[in-house]
Structure formats: C-alpha cells, structure tokens
C-alpha cells in the first residue's frame, strides 16, 4: 500500500486552494490516499504549524508524507525542502522554521532541497505565490506515489543549516519545574514548553497539590494552588489543574472553562511559569 499524504496549511476552507492541492496530487496518482489534517492554522504562523505537526506526525504510519504549507516567504529565496524524520516519515515544507518542534521531539535525519526543474508542477511555473500547489503538494505526491525516491527530491544539505525558531529551555528537578506558556488550544488550555516525559523528573504524582506562579515581564498573573490531575473531570467545574496534554507538553486548564480567558492571558505573548510542590 502506498503511504498517505497529509496536508496542513493556513489556507482556510472557503476557497479552492485546498482543492487545487488535492487536484495536483490526483494528477500524479489518482489512487493516492490524501487526507487533510487542518487548513485553519493561524495565517502566517509558522510556529503554530511546527507545534501542530509535532503532536500529529507520531500517530501516522511510518513513511507517511506530510505536506505543511505556512509560507509567508513564498516566492522568495527561502528553501523548499523535504525532510526525512527519524521515525521514517517525511515532511515536505518551506524551510522556514516549520521543522523546529519535529527536530526537537522526533528528530530530522536528512533534509533535501526540492529540485524545481524536476519536482514542480508544469502549468504553474509562472506563478510565484502558490508553491503549496505547484511545489509542495506536487513533490509530496510524487514522493508518496513512488514516482521519485527521497534521493530524487533534490540535493541534500546539512541538517545544521535548517532554519529553526527559538526554543525556550525548561528547568525540571525534584519538586520543581520552570518554563513558559506561549500558546493555547481551541479550548483555552495553556500549553507550556515542559515535555510530559520531562515533568516526570519532578516526582509529582496525580492528586498532588501544586503551587503555581505565572508572570509576564515580572508582573504576577497567577499565584495559587492547583492540582496535578489525570483529566479535567478530576476537579470541579471552574477549578484549575495541571495535566499531561495530548500535544506532548504539560498544560494548565480549567474544567469546562478557558484558562486563557479566566486569567486574562493574551495571544502572542510569552508567560514565565514556576511549579512547586504544594503543602
């Protein structure tokens, strides 16, 4: 069976843009299985695309080809690339920081620049603003269909040259964790940069009381007690909790409420957090 092609973008769902990407994939091979992960990523938000990929990719079969297009630099000198991940899957995307969280949480074993002389759809060669269709979807479909091998995508270049976003470090030790909140999910859950597996080093157990402080630029936003819980239903409606989020990171939530709204957090801002054992 041929591998799946899975699309991510910020194109929205109210135009023919996504259908055009499906179309070129079908022109390459009408038997390809093409799926849409999301086309509602925030416009131009490369970091959001990277974050979404890192928690989606592990749950698809080895060899899946992910095509991710959040590309504010479309048509410029930024590289168009395909990366082979250490779990055996592939990501076809602009090299603009999209691979940051994948490298951190899965690993990138090899990266190649797409040879547009070979792996660009002929019919859109004079269009410089729709590489999602003409380069990324087309090349990704050719790779998944077996029309080209990974080596035939184009010339390899050092993984060290890959564009990366800044990744905030987390500090974790017995009875203590420190990090940042920089995003939230559709329910208003505040997602930290502390990996679930790292949080185990604190020694906290489910049901343990925790003391949490959240600051921005030194100003205290939240300071109080919460609990480390398995799930929202372990606390009463309207109460806060710390839990292991599906996106690989420890998160703050409020049962049946938005943590972001309850505590006045704002999109696009970074908040410092400290978690200590409660008494």
C-alpha atoms as a PDB file:
ATOM      1  CA  UNK A   1       0.000   0.000   0.000  1.00  0.00           C
ATOM      2  CA  UNK A   2       1.248   3.469  -0.845  1.00  0.00           C
ATOM      3  CA  UNK A   3       1.826   5.884   2.045  1.00  0.00           C
ATOM      4  CA  UNK A   4      -0.677   8.567   2.939  1.00  0.00           C
ATOM      5  CA  UNK A   5      -0.240  12.218   2.009  1.00  0.00           C
ATOM      6  CA  UNK A   6      -1.416  14.509   4.834  1.00  0.00           C
ATOM      7  CA  UNK A   7      -1.936  18.242   4.239  1.00  0.00           C
ATOM      8  CA  UNK A   8      -1.530  21.116   6.723  1.00  0.00           C
ATOM      9  CA  UNK A   9      -1.895  24.812   5.813  1.00  0.00           C
ATOM     10  CA  UNK A  10      -3.231  28.234   6.744  1.00  0.00           C
ATOM     11  CA  UNK A  11      -5.259  28.433   3.505  1.00  0.00           C
ATOM     12  CA  UNK A  12      -8.685  28.259   5.134  1.00  0.00           C
ATOM     13  CA  UNK A  13     -11.618  26.227   3.851  1.00  0.00           C
ATOM     14  CA  UNK A  14     -13.578  28.907   2.000  1.00  0.00           C
ATOM     15  CA  UNK A  15     -11.807  28.782  -1.365  1.00  0.00           C
ATOM     16  CA  UNK A  16     -10.455  26.365  -3.949  1.00  0.00           C
ATOM     17  CA  UNK A  17      -6.884  26.487  -2.677  1.00  0.00           C
ATOM     18  CA  UNK A  18      -7.015  23.177  -0.820  1.00  0.00           C
ATOM     19  CA  UNK A  19      -8.887  21.501  -3.681  1.00  0.00           C
ATOM     20  CA  UNK A  20      -6.121  22.605  -6.039  1.00  0.00           C
ATOM     21  CA  UNK A  21      -3.543  20.785  -3.912  1.00  0.00           C
ATOM     22  CA  UNK A  22      -5.716  17.678  -3.899  1.00  0.00           C
ATOM     23  CA  UNK A  23      -6.009  18.034  -7.671  1.00  0.00           C
ATOM     24  CA  UNK A  24      -2.294  18.001  -8.445  1.00  0.00           C
ATOM     25  CA  UNK A  25      -1.891  15.009  -6.120  1.00  0.00           C
ATOM     26  CA  UNK A  26      -4.584  13.199  -8.123  1.00  0.00           C
ATOM     27  CA  UNK A  27      -2.839  14.138 -11.370  1.00  0.00           C
ATOM     28  CA  UNK A  28       0.302  12.467 -10.056  1.00  0.00           C
ATOM     29  CA  UNK A  29      -1.563   9.342  -8.938  1.00  0.00           C
ATOM     30  CA  UNK A  30      -5.359   9.156  -8.635  1.00  0.00           C
ATOM     31  CA  UNK A  31      -5.036   6.212  -6.243  1.00  0.00           C
ATOM     32  CA  UNK A  32      -3.109   8.156  -3.602  1.00  0.00           C
ATOM     33  CA  UNK A  33      -4.780   8.452  -0.192  1.00  0.00           C
ATOM     34  CA  UNK A  34      -4.768  12.176   0.586  1.00  0.00           C
ATOM     35  CA  UNK A  35      -6.019  13.460   3.960  1.00  0.00           C
ATOM     36  CA  UNK A  36      -6.450  16.939   5.420  1.00  0.00           C
ATOM     37  CA  UNK A  37      -5.088  17.476   8.929  1.00  0.00           C
ATOM     38  CA  UNK A  38      -6.053  21.154   9.111  1.00  0.00           C
ATOM     39  CA  UNK A  39      -6.198  24.217   6.885  1.00  0.00           C
ATOM     40  CA  UNK A  40      -7.132  26.537   9.742  1.00  0.00           C
ATOM     41  CA  UNK A  41      -3.676  27.190  11.157  1.00  0.00           C
ATOM     42  CA  UNK A  42      -3.305  30.884  12.051  1.00  0.00           C
ATOM     43  CA  UNK A  43      -2.284  32.858   8.972  1.00  0.00           C
ATOM     44  CA  UNK A  44       1.498  33.209   8.604  1.00  0.00           C
ATOM     45  CA  UNK A  45       2.089  31.474  11.976  1.00  0.00           C
ATOM     46  CA  UNK A  46       4.995  29.155  11.212  1.00  0.00           C
ATOM     47  CA  UNK A  47       5.492  28.285  14.869  1.00  0.00           C
ATOM     48  CA  UNK A  48       1.879  27.107  15.160  1.00  0.00           C
ATOM     49  CA  UNK A  49       2.396  24.865  12.128  1.00  0.00           C
ATOM     50  CA  UNK A  50       5.511  23.366  13.695  1.00  0.00           C
ATOM     51  CA  UNK A  51       3.743  22.768  17.003  1.00  0.00           C
ATOM     52  CA  UNK A  52       0.762  21.125  15.296  1.00  0.00           C
ATOM     53  CA  UNK A  53       2.993  18.807  13.285  1.00  0.00           C
ATOM     54  CA  UNK A  54       4.964  17.526  16.276  1.00  0.00           C
ATOM     55  CA  UNK A  55       1.914  16.080  18.006  1.00  0.00           C
ATOM     56  CA  UNK A  56       0.233  14.804  14.809  1.00  0.00           C
ATOM     57  CA  UNK A  57       3.094  13.077  12.998  1.00  0.00           C
ATOM     58  CA  UNK A  58       3.755  10.316  15.600  1.00  0.00           C
ATOM     59  CA  UNK A  59       0.250   8.899  15.152  1.00  0.00           C
ATOM     60  CA  UNK A  60       0.555   8.117  11.440  1.00  0.00           C
ATOM     61  CA  UNK A  61       2.254   5.081   9.872  1.00  0.00           C
ATOM     62  CA  UNK A  62       5.948   5.109   9.044  1.00  0.00           C
ATOM     63  CA  UNK A  63       6.517   6.509   5.565  1.00  0.00           C
ATOM     64  CA  UNK A  64       3.605   8.971   5.650  1.00  0.00           C
ATOM     65  CA  UNK A  65       4.319  12.125   3.643  1.00  0.00           C
ATOM     66  CA  UNK A  66       3.223  15.300   5.443  1.00  0.00           C
ATOM     67  CA  UNK A  67       2.865  18.443   3.341  1.00  0.00           C
ATOM     68  CA  UNK A  68       2.845  21.558   5.534  1.00  0.00           C
ATOM     69  CA  UNK A  69       2.428  24.965   3.930  1.00  0.00           C
ATOM     70  CA  UNK A  70       2.513  28.058   6.128  1.00  0.00           C
ATOM     71  CA  UNK A  71       4.707  30.134   3.904  1.00  0.00           C
ATOM     72  CA  UNK A  72       4.824  33.918   4.354  1.00  0.00           C
ATOM     73  CA  UNK A  73       8.075  33.900   2.345  1.00  0.00           C
ATOM     74  CA  UNK A  74       6.523  32.239  -0.715  1.00  0.00           C
ATOM     75  CA  UNK A  75       8.377  33.134  -3.901  1.00  0.00           C
ATOM     76  CA  UNK A  76      11.459  34.435  -2.100  1.00  0.00           C
ATOM     77  CA  UNK A  77      14.848  32.791  -1.706  1.00  0.00           C
ATOM     78  CA  UNK A  78      13.794  30.570   1.202  1.00  0.00           C
ATOM     79  CA  UNK A  79      14.403  26.901   0.520  1.00  0.00           C
ATOM     80  CA  UNK A  80      11.657  24.472  -0.425  1.00  0.00           C
ATOM     81  CA  UNK A  81      12.585  21.190   1.205  1.00  0.00           C
ATOM     82  CA  UNK A  82      11.698  17.639   2.115  1.00  0.00           C
ATOM     83  CA  UNK A  83      12.918  16.242   5.431  1.00  0.00           C
ATOM     84  CA  UNK A  84      13.211  12.618   6.431  1.00  0.00           C
ATOM     85  CA  UNK A  85      12.354  12.191  10.105  1.00  0.00           C
ATOM     86  CA  UNK A  86      13.933   9.675  12.447  1.00  0.00           C
ATOM     87  CA  UNK A  87      10.608   7.831  12.727  1.00  0.00           C
ATOM     88  CA  UNK A  88      10.661   7.114   8.965  1.00  0.00           C
ATOM     89  CA  UNK A  89       8.110   9.718   7.868  1.00  0.00           C
ATOM     90  CA  UNK A  90       8.664  12.691   5.553  1.00  0.00           C
ATOM     91  CA  UNK A  91       7.729  16.379   5.718  1.00  0.00           C
ATOM     92  CA  UNK A  92       7.568  18.490   2.557  1.00  0.00           C
ATOM     93  CA  UNK A  93       7.550  22.148   3.529  1.00  0.00           C
ATOM     94  CA  UNK A  94       9.267  25.515   3.295  1.00  0.00           C
ATOM     95  CA  UNK A  95      12.481  25.511   5.319  1.00  0.00           C
ATOM     96  CA  UNK A  96      11.345  28.457   7.428  1.00  0.00           C
ATOM     97  CA  UNK A  97      11.168  27.054  10.944  1.00  0.00           C
ATOM     98  CA  UNK A  98       8.336  24.577  10.383  1.00  0.00           C
ATOM     99  CA  UNK A  99      10.631  21.679  11.288  1.00  0.00           C
ATOM    100  CA  UNK A 100      11.666  23.120  14.676  1.00  0.00           C
ATOM    101  CA  UNK A 101       9.458  21.076  17.012  1.00  0.00           C
ATOM    102  CA  UNK A 102       9.736  17.965  14.858  1.00  0.00           C
ATOM    103  CA  UNK A 103      13.500  18.085  15.205  1.00  0.00           C
ATOM    104  CA  UNK A 104      13.191  18.506  18.969  1.00  0.00           C
ATOM    105  CA  UNK A 105      10.651  15.763  19.605  1.00  0.00           C
ATOM    106  CA  UNK A 106      11.226  13.255  16.783  1.00  0.00           C
ATOM    107  CA  UNK A 107      14.490  14.169  15.062  1.00  0.00           C
ATOM    108  CA  UNK A 108      15.439  15.021  11.473  1.00  0.00           C
ATOM    109  CA  UNK A 109      17.824  12.514   9.886  1.00  0.00           C
ATOM    110  CA  UNK A 110      18.193  14.116   6.451  1.00  0.00           C
ATOM    111  CA  UNK A 111      16.980  17.150   4.511  1.00  0.00           C
ATOM    112  CA  UNK A 112      16.926  17.860   0.777  1.00  0.00           C
ATOM    113  CA  UNK A 113      16.188  20.977  -1.247  1.00  0.00           C
ATOM    114  CA  UNK A 114      13.438  20.369  -3.795  1.00  0.00           C
ATOM    115  CA  UNK A 115      14.742  20.467  -7.358  1.00  0.00           C
ATOM    116  CA  UNK A 116      12.134  22.649  -9.033  1.00  0.00           C
ATOM    117  CA  UNK A 117      13.364  21.669 -12.501  1.00  0.00           C
ATOM    118  CA  UNK A 118      12.073  18.161 -11.817  1.00  0.00           C
ATOM    119  CA  UNK A 119       9.612  18.355  -8.954  1.00  0.00           C
ATOM    120  CA  UNK A 120       7.493  21.374  -9.821  1.00  0.00           C
ATOM    121  CA  UNK A 121       4.099  21.123 -11.492  1.00  0.00           C
ATOM    122  CA  UNK A 122       4.337  22.186 -15.128  1.00  0.00           C
ATOM    123  CA  UNK A 123       1.460  24.546 -15.623  1.00  0.00           C
ATOM    124  CA  UNK A 124       2.148  26.798 -12.687  1.00  0.00           C
ATOM    125  CA  UNK A 125       5.754  27.642 -13.457  1.00  0.00           C
ATOM    126  CA  UNK A 126       4.984  31.342 -13.912  1.00  0.00           C
ATOM    127  CA  UNK A 127       3.022  31.552 -10.655  1.00  0.00           C
ATOM    128  CA  UNK A 128       5.246  32.504  -7.734  1.00  0.00           C
ATOM    129  CA  UNK A 129       2.655  32.732  -4.971  1.00  0.00           C
ATOM    130  CA  UNK A 130       1.185  29.210  -4.840  1.00  0.00           C
ATOM    131  CA  UNK A 131       4.044  26.872  -4.041  1.00  0.00           C
ATOM    132  CA  UNK A 132       1.634  24.911  -1.859  1.00  0.00           C
ATOM    133  CA  UNK A 133       0.131  23.530  -5.041  1.00  0.00           C
ATOM    134  CA  UNK A 134       2.958  23.764  -7.559  1.00  0.00           C
ATOM    135  CA  UNK A 135       5.885  22.557  -5.426  1.00  0.00           C
ATOM    136  CA  UNK A 136       4.918  21.100  -2.045  1.00  0.00           C
ATOM    137  CA  UNK A 137       1.748  19.161  -2.908  1.00  0.00           C
ATOM    138  CA  UNK A 138       3.187  18.067  -6.254  1.00  0.00           C
ATOM    139  CA  UNK A 139       6.544  16.938  -4.850  1.00  0.00           C
ATOM    140  CA  UNK A 140       4.908  15.304  -1.842  1.00  0.00           C
ATOM    141  CA  UNK A 141       2.547  13.344  -4.088  1.00  0.00           C
ATOM    142  CA  UNK A 142       5.414  12.198  -6.321  1.00  0.00           C
ATOM    143  CA  UNK A 143       7.332  11.018  -3.264  1.00  0.00           C
ATOM    144  CA  UNK A 144       4.338   9.148  -1.806  1.00  0.00           C
ATOM    145  CA  UNK A 145       3.403   7.603  -5.163  1.00  0.00           C
ATOM    146  CA  UNK A 146       6.926   6.287  -5.689  1.00  0.00           C
ATOM    147  CA  UNK A 147       7.431   8.361  -8.832  1.00  0.00           C
ATOM    148  CA  UNK A 148      10.590   9.646  -7.159  1.00  0.00           C
ATOM    149  CA  UNK A 149      12.721   8.361  -4.323  1.00  0.00           C
ATOM    150  CA  UNK A 150      13.692  10.612  -1.448  1.00  0.00           C
ATOM    151  CA  UNK A 151      17.134  10.977  -3.039  1.00  0.00           C
ATOM    152  CA  UNK A 152      15.458  12.244  -6.224  1.00  0.00           C
ATOM    153  CA  UNK A 153      13.722  15.104  -4.397  1.00  0.00           C
ATOM    154  CA  UNK A 154      16.856  17.174  -4.876  1.00  0.00           C
ATOM    155  CA  UNK A 155      20.303  17.803  -3.389  1.00  0.00           C
ATOM    156  CA  UNK A 156      20.895  17.097   0.281  1.00  0.00           C
ATOM    157  CA  UNK A 157      22.157  19.839   2.566  1.00  0.00           C
ATOM    158  CA  UNK A 158      23.339  19.709   6.185  1.00  0.00           C
ATOM    159  CA  UNK A 159      20.605  19.416   8.801  1.00  0.00           C
ATOM    160  CA  UNK A 160      22.588  22.039  10.733  1.00  0.00           C
ATOM    161  CA  UNK A 161      21.623  24.600   8.060  1.00  0.00           C
ATOM    162  CA  UNK A 162      17.912  24.076   8.678  1.00  0.00           C
ATOM    163  CA  UNK A 163      16.019  27.195   9.812  1.00  0.00           C
ATOM    164  CA  UNK A 164      14.867  26.948  13.429  1.00  0.00           C
ATOM    165  CA  UNK A 165      12.739  29.025  15.737  1.00  0.00           C
ATOM    166  CA  UNK A 166      13.986  29.813  19.216  1.00  0.00           C
ATOM    167  CA  UNK A 167      13.037  27.040  21.628  1.00  0.00           C
ATOM    168  CA  UNK A 168      12.710  28.096  25.247  1.00  0.00           C
ATOM    169  CA  UNK A 169      14.537  25.812  27.706  1.00  0.00           C
ATOM    170  CA  UNK A 170      12.673  24.150  30.557  1.00  0.00           C
ATOM    171  CA  UNK A 171      14.161  23.539  34.013  1.00  0.00           C
ATOM    172  CA  UNK A 172      12.970  20.413  35.805  1.00  0.00           C
ATOM    173  CA  UNK A 173      14.133  18.796  39.034  1.00  0.00           C
ATOM    174  CA  UNK A 174      12.675  17.029  42.065  1.00  0.00           C
ATOM    175  CA  UNK A 175       9.690  19.005  43.315  1.00  0.00           C
ATOM    176  CA  UNK A 176      10.118  21.874  40.841  1.00  0.00           C
ATOM    177  CA  UNK A 177       9.559  22.852  37.207  1.00  0.00           C
ATOM    178  CA  UNK A 178      10.125  26.130  35.396  1.00  0.00           C
ATOM    179  CA  UNK A 179       9.261  27.079  31.843  1.00  0.00           C
ATOM    180  CA  UNK A 180       6.988  29.234  29.712  1.00  0.00           C
ATOM    181  CA  UNK A 181       3.472  29.356  28.307  1.00  0.00           C
ATOM    182  CA  UNK A 182       3.437  30.518  24.714  1.00  0.00           C
ATOM    183  CA  UNK A 183       0.301  29.026  23.136  1.00  0.00           C
ATOM    184  CA  UNK A 184      -3.125  27.559  23.774  1.00  0.00           C
ATOM    185  CA  UNK A 185      -5.500  25.066  22.205  1.00  0.00           C
ATOM    186  CA  UNK A 186      -9.065  25.829  20.979  1.00  0.00           C
ATOM    187  CA  UNK A 187     -10.416  25.264  24.497  1.00  0.00           C
ATOM    188  CA  UNK A 188      -8.114  27.856  26.057  1.00  0.00           C
ATOM    189  CA  UNK A 189      -5.768  25.318  27.625  1.00  0.00           C
ATOM    190  CA  UNK A 190      -2.394  26.968  28.284  1.00  0.00           C
ATOM    191  CA  UNK A 191       0.395  24.858  26.777  1.00  0.00           C
ATOM    192  CA  UNK A 192       3.869  25.011  28.295  1.00  0.00           C
ATOM    193  CA  UNK A 193       7.292  24.086  26.948  1.00  0.00           C
ATOM    194  CA  UNK A 194       7.772  21.366  29.599  1.00  0.00           C
ATOM    195  CA  UNK A 195       7.560  17.955  27.983  1.00  0.00           C
ATOM    196  CA  UNK A 196       5.338  15.375  29.668  1.00  0.00           C
ATOM    197  CA  UNK A 197       8.293  12.997  29.910  1.00  0.00           C
ATOM    198  CA  UNK A 198      10.446  15.736  31.476  1.00  0.00           C
ATOM    199  CA  UNK A 199       7.789  16.511  34.063  1.00  0.00           C
ATOM    200  CA  UNK A 200       8.184  13.001  35.470  1.00  0.00           C
ATOM    201  CA  UNK A 201      11.533  14.149  36.903  1.00  0.00           C
ATOM    202  CA  UNK A 202       9.666  16.360  39.389  1.00  0.00           C
ATOM    203  CA  UNK A 203       8.355  13.295  41.202  1.00  0.00           C
ATOM    204  CA  UNK A 204       4.834  14.755  41.313  1.00  0.00           C
ATOM    205  CA  UNK A 205       2.010  12.214  41.412  1.00  0.00           C
ATOM    206  CA  UNK A 206      -1.601  12.531  40.362  1.00  0.00           C
ATOM    207  CA  UNK A 207      -3.568  14.273  43.059  1.00  0.00           C
ATOM    208  CA  UNK A 208      -0.568  16.151  44.443  1.00  0.00           C
ATOM    209  CA  UNK A 209      -1.227  19.806  45.345  1.00  0.00           C
ATOM    210  CA  UNK A 210       0.955  22.252  43.426  1.00  0.00           C
ATOM    211  CA  UNK A 211       1.879  25.892  43.942  1.00  0.00           C
ATOM    212  CA  UNK A 212       1.929  27.727  40.606  1.00  0.00           C
ATOM    213  CA  UNK A 213       3.191  31.195  39.723  1.00  0.00           C
ATOM    214  CA  UNK A 214       2.695  32.729  36.283  1.00  0.00           C
ATOM    215  CA  UNK A 215       4.407  36.015  35.386  1.00  0.00           C
ATOM    216  CA  UNK A 216       4.863  38.223  32.365  1.00  0.00           C
ATOM    217  CA  UNK A 217       7.735  40.716  32.392  1.00  0.00           C
ATOM    218  CA  UNK A 218       7.921  40.329  36.158  1.00  0.00           C
ATOM    219  CA  UNK A 219       4.216  41.013  36.703  1.00  0.00           C
ATOM    220  CA  UNK A 220       2.378  38.268  38.548  1.00  0.00           C
ATOM    221  CA  UNK A 221      -0.616  36.954  36.588  1.00  0.00           C
ATOM    222  CA  UNK A 222      -1.479  33.935  38.725  1.00  0.00           C
ATOM    223  CA  UNK A 223      -0.221  32.727  42.079  1.00  0.00           C
ATOM    224  CA  UNK A 224      -2.060  29.982  43.824  1.00  0.00           C
ATOM    225  CA  UNK A 225      -2.689  26.341  44.453  1.00  0.00           C
ATOM    226  CA  UNK A 226      -3.838  23.818  41.897  1.00  0.00           C
ATOM    227  CA  UNK A 227      -3.532  20.058  41.487  1.00  0.00           C
ATOM    228  CA  UNK A 228      -1.725  17.650  39.197  1.00  0.00           C
ATOM    229  CA  UNK A 229      -4.546  15.605  37.666  1.00  0.00           C
ATOM    230  CA  UNK A 230      -5.114  12.960  35.008  1.00  0.00           C
ATOM    231  CA  UNK A 231      -8.027  14.751  33.398  1.00  0.00           C
ATOM    232  CA  UNK A 232     -10.475  17.644  33.705  1.00  0.00           C
ATOM    233  CA  UNK A 233     -13.147  15.611  35.460  1.00  0.00           C
ATOM    234  CA  UNK A 234     -10.793  15.056  38.416  1.00  0.00           C
ATOM    235  CA  UNK A 235     -11.532  18.621  39.547  1.00  0.00           C
ATOM    236  CA  UNK A 236     -14.777  20.508  39.964  1.00  0.00           C
ATOM    237  CA  UNK A 237     -16.163  22.700  37.174  1.00  0.00           C
ATOM    238  CA  UNK A 238     -14.333  26.031  37.216  1.00  0.00           C
ATOM    239  CA  UNK A 239     -11.291  24.680  39.087  1.00  0.00           C
ATOM    240  CA  UNK A 240      -7.756  24.702  37.678  1.00  0.00           C
ATOM    241  CA  UNK A 241      -5.492  21.736  37.069  1.00  0.00           C
ATOM    242  CA  UNK A 242      -2.089  20.818  35.668  1.00  0.00           C
ATOM    243  CA  UNK A 243      -2.157  17.829  33.320  1.00  0.00           C
ATOM    244  CA  UNK A 244      -0.356  15.992  30.518  1.00  0.00           C
ATOM    245  CA  UNK A 245      -1.623  17.455  27.254  1.00  0.00           C
ATOM    246  CA  UNK A 246      -2.042  15.444  24.048  1.00  0.00           C
ATOM    247  CA  UNK A 247       0.423  17.819  22.371  1.00  0.00           C
ATOM    248  CA  UNK A 248       3.362  16.307  24.334  1.00  0.00           C
ATOM    249  CA  UNK A 249       3.580  19.131  26.868  1.00  0.00           C
ATOM    250  CA  UNK A 250       2.396  19.843  30.400  1.00  0.00           C
ATOM    251  CA  UNK A 251      -0.545  22.248  30.318  1.00  0.00           C
ATOM    252  CA  UNK A 252      -2.784  24.357  32.549  1.00  0.00           C
ATOM    253  CA  UNK A 253      -6.543  24.067  32.262  1.00  0.00           C
ATOM    254  CA  UNK A 254      -9.821  24.947  33.927  1.00  0.00           C
ATOM    255  CA  UNK A 255     -12.579  22.350  33.903  1.00  0.00           C
ATOM    256  CA  UNK A 256     -15.208  23.486  31.350  1.00  0.00           C
ATOM    257  CA  UNK A 257     -13.593  26.918  31.120  1.00  0.00           C
ATOM    258  CA  UNK A 258     -10.800  28.618  29.173  1.00  0.00           C
ATOM    259  CA  UNK A 259      -7.648  29.057  31.253  1.00  0.00           C
ATOM    260  CA  UNK A 260      -6.537  31.843  28.898  1.00  0.00           C
ATOM    261  CA  UNK A 261      -9.778  33.792  29.377  1.00  0.00           C
ATOM    262  CA  UNK A 262     -10.127  33.111  33.093  1.00  0.00           C
ATOM    263  CA  UNK A 263      -6.717  34.616  33.831  1.00  0.00           C
ATOM    264  CA  UNK A 264      -6.504  37.234  31.082  1.00  0.00           C
ATOM    265  CA  UNK A 265      -3.644  35.705  29.099  1.00  0.00           C
ATOM    266  CA  UNK A 266      -3.129  37.113  25.605  1.00  0.00           C
ATOM    267  CA  UNK A 267      -2.223  35.525  22.283  1.00  0.00           C
ATOM    268  CA  UNK A 268       1.283  36.136  21.035  1.00  0.00           C
ATOM    269  CA  UNK A 269       2.767  36.778  24.481  1.00  0.00           C
ATOM    270  CA  UNK A 270       5.111  34.568  26.484  1.00  0.00           C
ATOM    271  CA  UNK A 271       4.493  33.921  30.180  1.00  0.00           C
ATOM    272  CA  UNK A 272       7.034  32.557  32.670  1.00  0.00           C
ATOM    273  CA  UNK A 273       5.819  29.760  34.935  1.00  0.00           C
ATOM    274  CA  UNK A 274       7.082  28.067  38.096  1.00  0.00           C
ATOM    275  CA  UNK A 275       5.556  24.923  39.606  1.00  0.00           C
ATOM    276  CA  UNK A 276       6.417  23.800  43.141  1.00  0.00           C
ATOM    277  CA  UNK A 277       5.138  21.087  45.408  1.00  0.00           C
ATOM    278  CA  UNK A 278       2.223  22.357  47.485  1.00  0.00           C
ATOM    279  CA  UNK A 279       1.795  21.856  51.204  1.00  0.00           C
END
